[in-house]
Amino acid sequence: HASQSISSDVSRIFTGSATDKAVWMLVSGVAA
């Protein structure tokens, strides 16, 4: 849900990837 937010969309426009928070939540969630 964080990766689909407006802030992630803005980050994706400038950096090409979602926000760090969204990425870390996904990675730590998969690991857990």
PDB file of all heavy atoms in Angstrom:
ATOM      1  N   HIS A   1       0.824  -1.206   0.000  1.00  0.00           N
ATOM      2  CA  HIS A   1       0.000   0.000   0.000  1.00  0.00           C
ATOM      3  C   HIS A   1       0.860   1.259   0.000  1.00  0.00           C
ATOM      4  O   HIS A   1       0.523   2.250  -0.651  1.00  0.00           O
ATOM      5  CB  HIS A   1      -0.962   0.016   1.175  1.00  0.00           C
ATOM      6  CG  HIS A   1      -2.090  -0.948   1.028  1.00  0.00           C
ATOM      7  ND1 HIS A   1      -3.048  -0.826   0.058  1.00  0.00           N
ATOM      8  CD2 HIS A   1      -2.401  -2.070   1.706  1.00  0.00           C
ATOM      9  CE1 HIS A   1      -3.903  -1.818   0.144  1.00  0.00           C
ATOM     10  NE2 HIS A   1      -3.526  -2.604   1.142  1.00  0.00           N
ATOM     11  N   ALA A   2       1.981   1.230   0.713  1.00  0.00           N
ATOM     12  CA  ALA A   2       2.885   2.381   0.718  1.00  0.00           C
ATOM     13  C   ALA A   2       3.532   2.582  -0.642  1.00  0.00           C
ATOM     14  O   ALA A   2       3.783   3.714  -1.062  1.00  0.00           O
ATOM     15  CB  ALA A   2       3.955   2.202   1.794  1.00  0.00           C
ATOM     16  N   SER A   3       3.778   1.497  -1.362  1.00  0.00           N
ATOM     17  CA  SER A   3       4.401   1.633  -2.678  1.00  0.00           C
ATOM     18  C   SER A   3       3.424   2.172  -3.711  1.00  0.00           C
ATOM     19  O   SER A   3       3.833   2.652  -4.762  1.00  0.00           O
ATOM     20  CB  SER A   3       4.966   0.293  -3.147  1.00  0.00           C
ATOM     21  OG  SER A   3       3.923  -0.599  -3.474  1.00  0.00           O
ATOM     22  N   GLN A   4       2.125   2.108  -3.421  1.00  0.00           N
ATOM     23  CA  GLN A   4       1.113   2.621  -4.329  1.00  0.00           C
ATOM     24  C   GLN A   4       0.656   4.035  -3.948  1.00  0.00           C
ATOM     25  O   GLN A   4      -0.263   4.557  -4.554  1.00  0.00           O
ATOM     26  CB  GLN A   4      -0.099   1.684  -4.360  1.00  0.00           C
ATOM     27  CG  GLN A   4       0.232   0.270  -4.771  1.00  0.00           C
ATOM     28  CD  GLN A   4       0.849   0.199  -6.153  1.00  0.00           C
ATOM     29  OE1 GLN A   4       0.379   0.839  -7.081  1.00  0.00           O
ATOM     30  NE2 GLN A   4       1.919  -0.571  -6.281  1.00  0.00           N
ATOM     31  N   SER A   5       1.301   4.654  -2.964  1.00  0.00           N
ATOM     32  CA  SER A   5       0.888   5.969  -2.488  1.00  0.00           C
ATOM     33  C   SER A   5       1.376   7.074  -3.420  1.00  0.00           C
ATOM     34  O   SER A   5       2.211   6.859  -4.301  1.00  0.00           O
ATOM     35  CB  SER A   5       1.421   6.210  -1.078  1.00  0.00           C
ATOM     36  OG  SER A   5       2.818   6.361  -1.114  1.00  0.00           O
ATOM     37  N   ILE A   6       0.874   8.266  -3.179  1.00  0.00           N
ATOM     38  CA  ILE A   6       1.260   9.420  -3.996  1.00  0.00           C
ATOM     39  C   ILE A   6       2.732   9.748  -3.806  1.00  0.00           C
ATOM     40  O   ILE A   6       3.432  10.066  -4.775  1.00  0.00           O
ATOM     41  CB  ILE A   6       0.370  10.630  -3.657  1.00  0.00           C
ATOM     42  CG1 ILE A   6      -1.063  10.350  -4.103  1.00  0.00           C
ATOM     43  CG2 ILE A   6       0.887  11.899  -4.314  1.00  0.00           C
ATOM     44  CD1 ILE A   6      -2.063  11.392  -3.677  1.00  0.00           C
ATOM     45  N   SER A   7       3.229   9.654  -2.580  1.00  0.00           N
ATOM     46  CA  SER A   7       4.643   9.962  -2.345  1.00  0.00           C
ATOM     47  C   SER A   7       5.553   8.980  -3.077  1.00  0.00           C
ATOM     48  O   SER A   7       6.614   9.361  -3.575  1.00  0.00           O
ATOM     49  CB  SER A   7       4.959   9.971  -0.850  1.00  0.00           C
ATOM     50  OG  SER A   7       4.763   8.703  -0.286  1.00  0.00           O
ATOM     51  N   SER A   8       5.151   7.722  -3.160  1.00  0.00           N
ATOM     52  CA  SER A   8       5.942   6.751  -3.920  1.00  0.00           C
ATOM     53  C   SER A   8       5.871   7.044  -5.411  1.00  0.00           C
ATOM     54  O   SER A   8       6.851   6.858  -6.134  1.00  0.00           O
ATOM     55  CB  SER A   8       5.464   5.330  -3.657  1.00  0.00           C
ATOM     56  OG  SER A   8       5.959   4.860  -2.438  1.00  0.00           O
ATOM     57  N   ASP A   9       4.709   7.524  -5.879  1.00  0.00           N
ATOM     58  CA  ASP A   9       4.596   7.893  -7.290  1.00  0.00           C
ATOM     59  C   ASP A   9       5.514   9.055  -7.627  1.00  0.00           C
ATOM     60  O   ASP A   9       6.184   9.047  -8.663  1.00  0.00           O
ATOM     61  CB  ASP A   9       3.147   8.253  -7.639  1.00  0.00           C
ATOM     62  CG  ASP A   9       2.237   7.036  -7.670  1.00  0.00           C
ATOM     63  OD1 ASP A   9       2.758   5.918  -7.797  1.00  0.00           O
ATOM     64  OD2 ASP A   9       1.009   7.228  -7.564  1.00  0.00           O
ATOM     65  N   VAL A  10       5.584  10.044  -6.742  1.00  0.00           N
ATOM     66  CA  VAL A  10       6.478  11.185  -6.958  1.00  0.00           C
ATOM     67  C   VAL A  10       7.934  10.724  -6.919  1.00  0.00           C
ATOM     68  O   VAL A  10       8.750  11.121  -7.757  1.00  0.00           O
ATOM     69  CB  VAL A  10       6.207  12.289  -5.915  1.00  0.00           C
ATOM     70  CG1 VAL A  10       7.255  13.381  -5.988  1.00  0.00           C
ATOM     71  CG2 VAL A  10       4.814  12.877  -6.105  1.00  0.00           C
ATOM     72  N   SER A  11       8.250   9.882  -5.960  1.00  0.00           N
ATOM     73  CA  SER A  11       9.609   9.353  -5.866  1.00  0.00           C
ATOM     74  C   SER A  11       9.967   8.542  -7.110  1.00  0.00           C
ATOM     75  O   SER A  11      11.088   8.623  -7.611  1.00  0.00           O
ATOM     76  CB  SER A  11       9.740   8.478  -4.627  1.00  0.00           C
ATOM     77  OG  SER A  11      11.010   7.873  -4.552  1.00  0.00           O
ATOM     78  N   ARG A  12       9.010   7.773  -7.608  1.00  0.00           N
ATOM     79  CA  ARG A  12       9.231   6.955  -8.793  1.00  0.00           C
ATOM     80  C   ARG A  12       9.509   7.826 -10.023  1.00  0.00           C
ATOM     81  O   ARG A  12      10.297   7.465 -10.886  1.00  0.00           O
ATOM     82  CB  ARG A  12       8.022   6.055  -9.026  1.00  0.00           C
ATOM     83  CG  ARG A  12       8.329   4.821  -9.803  1.00  0.00           C
ATOM     84  CD  ARG A  12       7.148   3.857  -9.861  1.00  0.00           C
ATOM     85  NE  ARG A  12       6.917   3.222  -8.563  1.00  0.00           N
ATOM     86  CZ  ARG A  12       5.807   3.351  -7.865  1.00  0.00           C
ATOM     87  NH1 ARG A  12       4.805   4.079  -8.288  1.00  0.00           N
ATOM     88  NH2 ARG A  12       5.683   2.732  -6.709  1.00  0.00           N
ATOM     89  N   ILE A  13       8.873   8.984 -10.091  1.00  0.00           N
ATOM     90  CA  ILE A  13       9.095   9.899 -11.221  1.00  0.00           C
ATOM     91  C   ILE A  13      10.534  10.387 -11.231  1.00  0.00           C
ATOM     92  O   ILE A  13      11.191  10.421 -12.274  1.00  0.00           O
ATOM     93  CB  ILE A  13       8.115  11.088 -11.151  1.00  0.00           C
ATOM     94  CG1 ILE A  13       6.697  10.629 -11.481  1.00  0.00           C
ATOM     95  CG2 ILE A  13       8.538  12.203 -12.111  1.00  0.00           C
ATOM     96  CD1 ILE A  13       5.632  11.673 -11.218  1.00  0.00           C
ATOM     97  N   PHE A  14      11.059  10.770 -10.065  1.00  0.00           N
ATOM     98  CA  PHE A  14      12.389  11.362  -9.997  1.00  0.00           C
ATOM     99  C   PHE A  14      13.519  10.343  -9.867  1.00  0.00           C
ATOM    100  O   PHE A  14      14.606  10.555 -10.391  1.00  0.00           O
ATOM    101  CB  PHE A  14      12.463  12.357  -8.834  1.00  0.00           C
ATOM    102  CG  PHE A  14      11.619  13.583  -9.061  1.00  0.00           C
ATOM    103  CD1 PHE A  14      10.468  13.789  -8.335  1.00  0.00           C
ATOM    104  CD2 PHE A  14      11.973  14.511 -10.027  1.00  0.00           C
ATOM    105  CE1 PHE A  14       9.683  14.904  -8.554  1.00  0.00           C
ATOM    106  CE2 PHE A  14      11.199  15.631 -10.260  1.00  0.00           C
ATOM    107  CZ  PHE A  14      10.054  15.837  -9.518  1.00  0.00           C
ATOM    108  N   THR A  15      13.280   9.238  -9.163  1.00  0.00           N
ATOM    109  CA  THR A  15      14.363   8.280  -8.920  1.00  0.00           C
ATOM    110  C   THR A  15      14.196   6.964  -9.651  1.00  0.00           C
ATOM    111  O   THR A  15      15.144   6.196  -9.760  1.00  0.00           O
ATOM    112  CB  THR A  15      14.491   7.974  -7.415  1.00  0.00           C
ATOM    113  OG1 THR A  15      13.298   7.333  -6.969  1.00  0.00           O
ATOM    114  CG2 THR A  15      14.742   9.236  -6.615  1.00  0.00           C
ATOM    115  N   GLY A  16      12.991   6.674 -10.097  1.00  0.00           N
ATOM    116  CA  GLY A  16      12.748   5.416 -10.787  1.00  0.00           C
ATOM    117  C   GLY A  16      12.355   4.273  -9.872  1.00  0.00           C
ATOM    118  O   GLY A  16      12.119   3.160 -10.328  1.00  0.00           O
ATOM    119  N   SER A  17      12.305   4.527  -8.566  1.00  0.00           N
ATOM    120  CA  SER A  17      11.890   3.474  -7.637  1.00  0.00           C
ATOM    121  C   SER A  17      10.993   4.067  -6.557  1.00  0.00           C
ATOM    122  O   SER A  17      10.918   5.277  -6.387  1.00  0.00           O
ATOM    123  CB  SER A  17      13.107   2.806  -6.987  1.00  0.00           C
ATOM    124  OG  SER A  17      13.804   3.729  -6.188  1.00  0.00           O
ATOM    125  N   ALA A  18      10.320   3.194  -5.832  1.00  0.00           N
ATOM    126  CA  ALA A  18       9.422   3.629  -4.765  1.00  0.00           C
ATOM    127  C   ALA A  18      10.234   4.189  -3.597  1.00  0.00           C
ATOM    128  O   ALA A  18      11.466   4.121  -3.587  1.00  0.00           O
ATOM    129  CB  ALA A  18       8.573   2.456  -4.309  1.00  0.00           C
ATOM    130  N   THR A  19       9.540   4.726  -2.608  1.00  0.00           N
ATOM    131  CA  THR A  19      10.236   5.277  -1.450  1.00  0.00           C
ATOM    132  C   THR A  19      10.979   4.179  -0.693  1.00  0.00           C
ATOM    133  O   THR A  19      10.625   3.003  -0.757  1.00  0.00           O
ATOM    134  CB  THR A  19       9.249   5.960  -0.490  1.00  0.00           C
ATOM    135  OG1 THR A  19       8.287   5.009  -0.057  1.00  0.00           O
ATOM    136  CG2 THR A  19       8.544   7.130  -1.150  1.00  0.00           C
ATOM    137  N   ASP A  20      12.012   4.583   0.027  1.00  0.00           N
ATOM    138  CA  ASP A  20      12.799   3.622   0.801  1.00  0.00           C
ATOM    139  C   ASP A  20      11.948   2.919   1.845  1.00  0.00           C
ATOM    140  O   ASP A  20      12.123   1.733   2.105  1.00  0.00           O
ATOM    141  CB  ASP A  20      13.971   4.329   1.487  1.00  0.00           C
ATOM    142  CG  ASP A  20      15.039   4.768   0.512  1.00  0.00           C
ATOM    143  OD1 ASP A  20      15.052   4.257  -0.625  1.00  0.00           O
ATOM    144  OD2 ASP A  20      15.860   5.633   0.879  1.00  0.00           O
ATOM    145  N   LYS A  21      11.021   3.648   2.454  1.00  0.00           N
ATOM    146  CA  LYS A  21      10.160   3.059   3.477  1.00  0.00           C
ATOM    147  C   LYS A  21       9.357   1.898   2.916  1.00  0.00           C
ATOM    148  O   LYS A  21       9.271   0.830   3.525  1.00  0.00           O
ATOM    149  CB  LYS A  21       9.221   4.127   4.029  1.00  0.00           C
ATOM    150  CG  LYS A  21       8.287   3.642   5.092  1.00  0.00           C
ATOM    151  CD  LYS A  21       7.379   4.771   5.575  1.00  0.00           C
ATOM    152  CE  LYS A  21       6.379   4.263   6.580  1.00  0.00           C
ATOM    153  NZ  LYS A  21       5.479   5.338   7.023  1.00  0.00           N
ATOM    154  N   ALA A  22       8.783   2.091   1.738  1.00  0.00           N
ATOM    155  CA  ALA A  22       7.981   1.037   1.118  1.00  0.00           C
ATOM    156  C   ALA A  22       8.848  -0.177   0.780  1.00  0.00           C
ATOM    157  O   ALA A  22       8.449  -1.319   1.017  1.00  0.00           O
ATOM    158  CB  ALA A  22       7.291   1.563  -0.130  1.00  0.00           C
ATOM    159  N   VAL A  23      10.014   0.072   0.244  1.00  0.00           N
ATOM    160  CA  VAL A  23      10.907  -1.025  -0.141  1.00  0.00           C
ATOM    161  C   VAL A  23      11.348  -1.808   1.091  1.00  0.00           C
ATOM    162  O   VAL A  23      11.331  -3.046   1.092  1.00  0.00           O
ATOM    163  CB  VAL A  23      12.125  -0.491  -0.919  1.00  0.00           C
ATOM    164  CG1 VAL A  23      13.158  -1.576  -1.140  1.00  0.00           C
ATOM    165  CG2 VAL A  23      11.683   0.106  -2.247  1.00  0.00           C
ATOM    166  N   TRP A  24      11.711  -1.115   2.168  1.00  0.00           N
ATOM    167  CA  TRP A  24      12.160  -1.801   3.378  1.00  0.00           C
ATOM    168  C   TRP A  24      11.037  -2.585   4.032  1.00  0.00           C
ATOM    169  O   TRP A  24      11.262  -3.666   4.587  1.00  0.00           O
ATOM    170  CB  TRP A  24      12.796  -0.827   4.372  1.00  0.00           C
ATOM    171  CG  TRP A  24      14.205  -0.521   4.008  1.00  0.00           C
ATOM    172  CD1 TRP A  24      14.696   0.661   3.544  1.00  0.00           C
ATOM    173  CD2 TRP A  24      15.309  -1.422   4.047  1.00  0.00           C
ATOM    174  NE1 TRP A  24      16.035   0.541   3.289  1.00  0.00           N
ATOM    175  CE2 TRP A  24      16.439  -0.720   3.591  1.00  0.00           C
ATOM    176  CE3 TRP A  24      15.447  -2.747   4.420  1.00  0.00           C
ATOM    177  CZ2 TRP A  24      17.692  -1.312   3.502  1.00  0.00           C
ATOM    178  CZ3 TRP A  24      16.701  -3.341   4.324  1.00  0.00           C
ATOM    179  CH2 TRP A  24      17.803  -2.620   3.873  1.00  0.00           C
ATOM    180  N   MET A  25       9.815  -2.060   3.968  1.00  0.00           N
ATOM    181  CA  MET A  25       8.690  -2.815   4.530  1.00  0.00           C
ATOM    182  C   MET A  25       8.450  -4.088   3.727  1.00  0.00           C
ATOM    183  O   MET A  25       8.187  -5.146   4.304  1.00  0.00           O
ATOM    184  CB  MET A  25       7.427  -1.961   4.554  1.00  0.00           C
ATOM    185  CG  MET A  25       7.369  -1.016   5.722  1.00  0.00           C
ATOM    186  SD  MET A  25       5.737  -0.351   6.029  1.00  0.00           S
ATOM    187  CE  MET A  25       5.599   0.857   4.737  1.00  0.00           C
ATOM    188  N   LEU A  26       8.549  -4.005   2.418  1.00  0.00           N
ATOM    189  CA  LEU A  26       8.357  -5.198   1.590  1.00  0.00           C
ATOM    190  C   LEU A  26       9.457  -6.228   1.834  1.00  0.00           C
ATOM    191  O   LEU A  26       9.181  -7.418   1.998  1.00  0.00           O
ATOM    192  CB  LEU A  26       8.311  -4.807   0.114  1.00  0.00           C
ATOM    193  CG  LEU A  26       7.041  -4.098  -0.342  1.00  0.00           C
ATOM    194  CD1 LEU A  26       7.225  -3.521  -1.741  1.00  0.00           C
ATOM    195  CD2 LEU A  26       5.867  -5.048  -0.314  1.00  0.00           C
ATOM    196  N   VAL A  27      10.698  -5.776   1.862  1.00  0.00           N
ATOM    197  CA  VAL A  27      11.826  -6.697   2.053  1.00  0.00           C
ATOM    198  C   VAL A  27      11.783  -7.346   3.432  1.00  0.00           C
ATOM    199  O   VAL A  27      11.930  -8.574   3.562  1.00  0.00           O
ATOM    200  CB  VAL A  27      13.171  -5.952   1.841  1.00  0.00           C
ATOM    201  CG1 VAL A  27      14.352  -6.796   2.282  1.00  0.00           C
ATOM    202  CG2 VAL A  27      13.316  -5.544   0.386  1.00  0.00           C
ATOM    203  N   SER A  28      11.546  -6.549   4.472  1.00  0.00           N
ATOM    204  CA  SER A  28      11.506  -7.134   5.819  1.00  0.00           C
ATOM    205  C   SER A  28      10.274  -8.021   6.001  1.00  0.00           C
ATOM    206  O   SER A  28      10.326  -9.020   6.720  1.00  0.00           O
ATOM    207  CB  SER A  28      11.546  -6.038   6.883  1.00  0.00           C
ATOM    208  OG  SER A  28      10.443  -5.175   6.743  1.00  0.00           O
ATOM    209  N   GLY A  29       9.171  -7.687   5.337  1.00  0.00           N
ATOM    210  CA  GLY A  29       7.978  -8.523   5.404  1.00  0.00           C
ATOM    211  C   GLY A  29       8.201  -9.880   4.774  1.00  0.00           C
ATOM    212  O   GLY A  29       7.789 -10.907   5.320  1.00  0.00           O
ATOM    213  N   VAL A  30       8.844  -9.892   3.629  1.00  0.00           N
ATOM    214  CA  VAL A  30       9.138 -11.162   2.963  1.00  0.00           C
ATOM    215  C   VAL A  30      10.093 -11.998   3.817  1.00  0.00           C
ATOM    216  O   VAL A  30       9.891 -13.211   3.987  1.00  0.00           O
ATOM    217  CB  VAL A  30       9.719 -10.919   1.549  1.00  0.00           C
ATOM    218  CG1 VAL A  30      10.296 -12.184   0.959  1.00  0.00           C
ATOM    219  CG2 VAL A  30       8.649 -10.342   0.634  1.00  0.00           C
ATOM    220  N   ALA A  31      11.107 -11.354   4.383  1.00  0.00           N
ATOM    221  CA  ALA A  31      12.067 -12.086   5.225  1.00  0.00           C
ATOM    222  C   ALA A  31      11.381 -12.669   6.467  1.00  0.00           C
ATOM    223  O   ALA A  31      11.620 -13.829   6.829  1.00  0.00           O
ATOM    224  CB  ALA A  31      13.213 -11.165   5.638  1.00  0.00           C
ATOM    225  N   ALA A  32      10.527 -11.886   7.100  1.00  0.00           N
ATOM    226  CA  ALA A  32       9.834 -12.368   8.301  1.00  0.00           C
ATOM    227  C   ALA A  32       8.857 -13.488   7.954  1.00  0.00           C
ATOM    228  O   ALA A  32       8.763 -14.481   8.680  1.00  0.00           O
ATOM    229  CB  ALA A  32       9.101 -11.211   8.982  1.00  0.00           C
TER     230      ALA A  32
END
